[in-house]
Amino acid sequence: MTAAVVLLADIVSKLIVVAKLSDRRPVTVIPHVLQLTLTRNAGAAFSVGTGATVLFTAVAAAVVVVIVRSASSLASAGWAASLGLLLGGALGNLADRLFRSPGPLRGHVVDWIELPHWPVFNVADSAIVVGGVLAVLLAARGIEMDGSRR
């Protein structure tokens, strides 16, 4: 359920942003705090590896497969939330890589949320970060995916 909500929010937000912000200057929402800036990212976070789009597509697909296969052993609500966030985010950015220009497996990810001193990002990126932080916290507390404690 979490993955579906993240994926839907990511797809809908990107559709709106592309429709409303293409060929426009950034829109200031909160001065000096939040702007809406349409960018297209061929690389990974912070635009690293812009020439490795096919590799990032393969990695995202592998992450999706691993998370889906792990889902059957989940008995922890925390891990379910974490993996749902990671899965939804991975699917959101993977959809861009598969279906957006310049073509399948090479598509550029739509980013649009801009904060000061931070690269432009999207809903999927946010879900991946939050899901990753939650996974680290769960692991640090010794909580296993099956709900047991180490």
Protein backbone atom coordinates (compact mmCIF):
# COMPACT_ATOMS: atom_id res chain seq x y z
CA MET A 1 0.00 0.00 0.00
CA THR A 2 2.81 2.43 0.90
CA ALA A 3 4.58 1.75 -2.39
CA ALA A 4 1.38 2.36 -4.36
CA VAL A 5 0.74 5.70 -2.61
CA VAL A 6 4.32 6.86 -3.20
CA LEU A 7 4.24 5.76 -6.84
CA LEU A 8 0.90 7.47 -7.46
CA ALA A 9 2.02 10.70 -5.75
CA ASP A 10 5.26 10.68 -7.74
CA ILE A 11 3.58 10.06 -11.11
CA VAL A 12 0.80 12.60 -10.56
CA SER A 13 3.19 15.28 -9.28
CA LYS A 14 5.51 14.79 -12.26
CA LEU A 15 2.60 14.96 -14.73
CA ILE A 16 1.44 18.24 -13.19
CA VAL A 17 4.94 19.72 -13.02
CA VAL A 18 5.77 18.85 -16.62
CA ALA A 19 2.42 20.28 -17.79
CA LYS A 20 2.68 23.49 -15.75
CA LEU A 21 6.42 24.25 -15.51
CA SER A 22 7.77 23.30 -18.95
CA ASP A 23 9.33 26.36 -20.57
CA ARG A 24 8.79 28.44 -17.42
CA ARG A 25 11.05 30.02 -14.91
CA PRO A 26 11.15 28.50 -11.41
CA VAL A 27 8.13 29.26 -9.23
CA THR A 28 8.84 30.57 -5.74
CA VAL A 29 6.52 28.99 -3.18
CA ILE A 30 8.22 30.19 0.01
CA PRO A 31 10.92 32.83 -0.62
CA HIS A 32 14.43 31.58 0.23
CA VAL A 33 12.99 28.18 1.26
CA LEU A 34 11.11 26.41 -1.55
CA GLN A 35 11.01 26.76 -5.33
CA LEU A 36 9.45 24.56 -7.98
CA THR A 37 12.08 24.08 -10.68
CA LEU A 38 11.61 21.59 -13.51
CA THR A 39 14.81 19.72 -14.32
CA ARG A 40 15.52 16.43 -16.03
CA ASN A 41 18.24 14.27 -14.56
CA ALA A 42 20.01 11.60 -16.63
CA GLY A 43 22.16 10.57 -13.66
CA ALA A 44 21.66 9.52 -10.07
CA ALA A 45 21.40 11.71 -6.99
CA PHE A 46 23.17 15.06 -7.36
CA SER A 47 23.34 14.39 -11.14
CA VAL A 48 26.22 11.96 -10.61
CA GLY A 49 26.87 9.59 -13.51
CA THR A 50 24.84 11.29 -16.22
CA GLY A 51 26.37 8.92 -18.78
CA ALA A 52 25.29 5.79 -16.90
CA THR A 53 21.52 6.01 -17.29
CA VAL A 54 21.22 2.40 -18.51
CA LEU A 55 23.19 1.21 -15.46
CA PHE A 56 20.92 3.17 -13.10
CA THR A 57 17.89 1.67 -14.82
CA ALA A 58 19.26 -1.85 -14.26
CA VAL A 59 20.10 -1.10 -10.61
CA ALA A 60 16.61 0.29 -9.96
CA ALA A 61 15.04 -2.79 -11.56
CA ALA A 62 17.21 -5.04 -9.39
CA VAL A 63 16.22 -3.11 -6.25
CA VAL A 64 12.56 -3.57 -7.14
CA VAL A 65 13.04 -7.34 -7.58
CA VAL A 66 14.91 -7.69 -4.26
CA ILE A 67 12.27 -5.73 -2.34
CA VAL A 68 9.38 -7.66 -3.88
CA ARG A 69 11.11 -10.97 -3.08
CA SER A 70 11.77 -9.82 0.51
CA ALA A 71 8.15 -8.85 1.06
CA SER A 72 7.04 -12.40 1.80
CA SER A 73 9.17 -12.54 4.97
CA LEU A 74 7.97 -9.23 6.40
CA ALA A 75 6.30 -9.29 9.79
CA SER A 76 7.52 -5.91 10.99
CA ALA A 77 5.36 -2.83 10.32
CA GLY A 78 8.48 -0.66 10.39
CA TRP A 79 10.25 -2.73 7.76
CA ALA A 80 7.07 -2.88 5.68
CA ALA A 81 6.90 0.93 5.72
CA SER A 82 10.61 1.24 4.92
CA LEU A 83 10.51 -1.20 2.03
CA GLY A 84 7.25 0.31 0.77
CA LEU A 85 8.85 3.75 0.63
CA LEU A 86 11.94 2.35 -1.10
CA LEU A 87 9.86 0.34 -3.57
CA GLY A 88 7.53 3.22 -4.43
CA GLY A 89 10.46 5.58 -4.91
CA ALA A 90 12.43 3.11 -7.00
CA LEU A 91 9.38 2.42 -9.19
CA GLY A 92 8.70 6.14 -9.65
CA ASN A 93 12.18 6.91 -10.90
CA LEU A 94 12.34 3.64 -12.85
CA ALA A 95 9.15 4.62 -14.71
CA ASP A 96 10.88 7.82 -15.82
CA ARG A 97 13.94 5.87 -16.98
CA LEU A 98 11.73 3.47 -18.96
CA PHE A 99 9.15 5.82 -20.46
CA ARG A 100 10.54 9.34 -20.68
CA SER A 101 12.70 10.99 -23.32
CA PRO A 102 15.22 10.33 -24.78
CA GLY A 103 13.98 6.71 -24.85
CA PRO A 104 13.52 3.38 -23.07
CA LEU A 105 16.22 2.58 -20.47
CA ARG A 106 17.73 6.04 -21.09
CA GLY A 107 14.91 8.30 -19.89
CA HIS A 108 15.68 11.28 -17.72
CA VAL A 109 14.09 11.52 -14.27
CA VAL A 110 11.88 14.56 -13.67
CA ASP A 111 13.00 16.52 -10.60
CA TRP A 112 11.15 19.60 -9.38
CA ILE A 113 11.48 20.35 -5.65
CA GLU A 114 14.25 22.85 -4.92
CA LEU A 115 15.47 23.80 -1.46
CA PRO A 116 18.37 26.14 -0.73
CA HIS A 117 21.80 24.52 -0.92
CA TRP A 118 20.37 21.20 -2.07
CA PRO A 119 19.99 19.56 -5.50
CA VAL A 120 16.54 19.53 -7.11
CA PHE A 121 14.63 16.31 -6.27
CA ASN A 122 11.18 14.69 -6.52
CA VAL A 123 8.65 12.71 -4.46
CA ALA A 124 10.32 9.38 -5.33
CA ASP A 125 13.71 10.67 -4.14
CA SER A 126 12.14 11.83 -0.87
CA ALA A 127 10.55 8.42 -0.31
CA ILE A 128 13.86 6.67 -0.99
CA VAL A 129 15.69 8.85 1.52
CA VAL A 130 13.02 8.47 4.22
CA GLY A 131 12.79 4.71 3.60
CA GLY A 132 16.56 4.39 3.78
CA VAL A 133 16.80 6.35 7.03
CA LEU A 134 14.01 4.24 8.52
CA ALA A 135 15.84 1.05 7.47
CA VAL A 136 19.04 2.25 9.16
CA LEU A 137 17.14 3.10 12.35
CA LEU A 138 15.39 -0.28 12.40
CA ALA A 139 18.66 -2.12 11.83
CA ALA A 140 20.40 -0.05 14.53
CA ARG A 141 17.67 -1.00 16.98
CA GLY A 142 18.15 -4.67 16.08
CA ILE A 143 14.71 -5.13 14.55
CA GLU A 144 14.66 -7.87 11.91
CA MET A 145 12.30 -8.04 8.94
CA ASP A 146 10.44 -10.91 10.56
CA GLY A 147 9.76 -8.69 13.58
CA SER A 148 12.24 -10.38 15.90
CA ARG A 149 15.08 -8.59 17.67
CA ARG A 150 18.74 -9.45 17.54
